[in-house]
Amino acid sequence: MPASRLDAAVTLPGEDFSRVALTEASVDLLRRLWRQHGQLMFHQWSHTHLTVDVVQGRGSGFSVEAPEGKRFLIRSAPMDWPV
């Protein structure tokens, strides 16, 4: 798990835990991409905690980060559901 990460705000009613975290590098790249392309979206399954990170290299497909010479790396872990 990356040492420095920012947990996203809790957005679902009745929950008191974050489902997503972002590394500082991913926040920097996302800000650049938002300015260039507008709103962005990651799509994943719902029962994992996601940490969005960035690494050097090019991803496949039509990802907007490809021209930056970087790719997003999603680290996932099963959710530890509160009782």
Protein backbone atom coordinates (compact mmCIF):
# COMPACT_ATOMS: atom_id res chain seq x y z
CA MET A 1 0.00 0.00 0.00
CA PRO A 2 1.39 3.44 -0.87
CA ALA A 3 2.72 5.34 2.12
CA SER A 4 1.03 8.64 1.33
CA ARG A 5 -2.63 8.53 0.33
CA LEU A 6 -5.73 10.66 0.64
CA ASP A 7 -8.99 8.97 1.58
CA ALA A 8 -12.03 10.14 -0.36
CA ALA A 9 -15.05 11.52 1.44
CA VAL A 10 -17.79 9.16 2.55
CA THR A 11 -20.65 9.57 0.07
CA LEU A 12 -23.13 6.75 0.75
CA PRO A 13 -25.82 7.28 3.40
CA GLY A 14 -25.29 5.12 6.48
CA GLU A 15 -21.59 4.48 5.83
CA ASP A 16 -18.76 5.94 7.90
CA PHE A 17 -15.77 4.67 5.90
CA SER A 18 -14.07 5.64 2.67
CA ARG A 19 -14.24 3.31 -0.32
CA VAL A 20 -11.53 5.06 -2.35
CA ALA A 21 -8.11 6.56 -1.69
CA LEU A 22 -5.81 8.47 -4.02
CA THR A 23 -2.04 8.82 -3.92
CA GLU A 24 -0.60 12.32 -4.28
CA ALA A 25 0.77 11.40 -7.72
CA SER A 26 -2.68 10.33 -8.91
CA VAL A 27 -4.26 13.56 -7.59
CA ASP A 28 -1.69 15.60 -9.53
CA LEU A 29 -2.34 13.71 -12.77
CA LEU A 30 -6.11 13.76 -12.30
CA ARG A 31 -6.07 17.53 -11.84
CA ARG A 32 -4.15 17.94 -15.13
CA LEU A 33 -6.54 15.59 -16.93
CA TRP A 34 -9.65 17.31 -15.49
CA ARG A 35 -8.42 20.66 -16.81
CA GLN A 36 -7.81 19.13 -20.23
CA HIS A 37 -10.80 16.75 -20.61
CA GLY A 38 -13.44 17.71 -18.03
CA GLN A 39 -15.10 15.18 -15.73
CA LEU A 40 -13.51 11.73 -15.50
CA MET A 41 -14.71 8.41 -14.13
CA PHE A 42 -13.14 5.18 -12.85
CA HIS A 43 -15.36 2.11 -13.06
CA GLN A 44 -14.76 -0.87 -10.63
CA TRP A 45 -16.73 -3.42 -8.71
CA SER A 46 -18.36 -2.36 -5.42
CA HIS A 47 -16.95 -4.72 -2.73
CA THR A 48 -13.36 -3.51 -2.70
CA HIS A 49 -11.49 -0.54 -1.33
CA LEU A 50 -9.60 1.14 -4.15
CA THR A 51 -6.37 3.12 -4.02
CA VAL A 52 -5.69 5.03 -7.22
CA ASP A 53 -1.97 5.36 -7.95
CA VAL A 54 0.14 6.42 -10.96
CA VAL A 55 3.16 4.67 -12.49
CA GLN A 56 5.38 5.43 -15.47
CA GLY A 57 4.44 3.70 -18.71
CA ARG A 58 1.57 3.55 -21.12
CA GLY A 59 -1.65 1.70 -20.49
CA SER A 60 -3.67 0.02 -23.17
CA GLY A 61 -6.87 1.19 -24.76
CA PHE A 62 -8.16 4.73 -24.95
CA SER A 63 -7.14 6.05 -21.53
CA VAL A 64 -6.77 9.84 -21.34
CA GLU A 65 -3.55 9.54 -19.30
CA ALA A 66 -1.63 7.71 -22.08
CA PRO A 67 -0.22 10.88 -23.72
CA GLU A 68 1.27 11.85 -20.33
CA GLY A 69 3.55 8.78 -20.42
CA LYS A 70 1.86 7.51 -17.27
CA ARG A 71 -0.89 5.08 -16.39
CA PHE A 72 -3.22 4.74 -13.47
CA LEU A 73 -2.74 1.69 -11.30
CA ILE A 74 -5.70 0.65 -9.16
CA ARG A 75 -4.77 -1.27 -6.03
CA SER A 76 -7.74 -3.07 -4.53
CA ALA A 77 -8.40 -4.81 -1.24
CA PRO A 78 -11.57 -6.56 -0.06
CA MET A 79 -13.75 -4.26 2.03
CA ASP A 80 -13.75 -4.90 5.76
CA TRP A 81 -17.47 -4.32 6.20
CA PRO A 82 -18.45 -2.83 9.57
CA VAL A 83 -20.68 -4.98 11.73
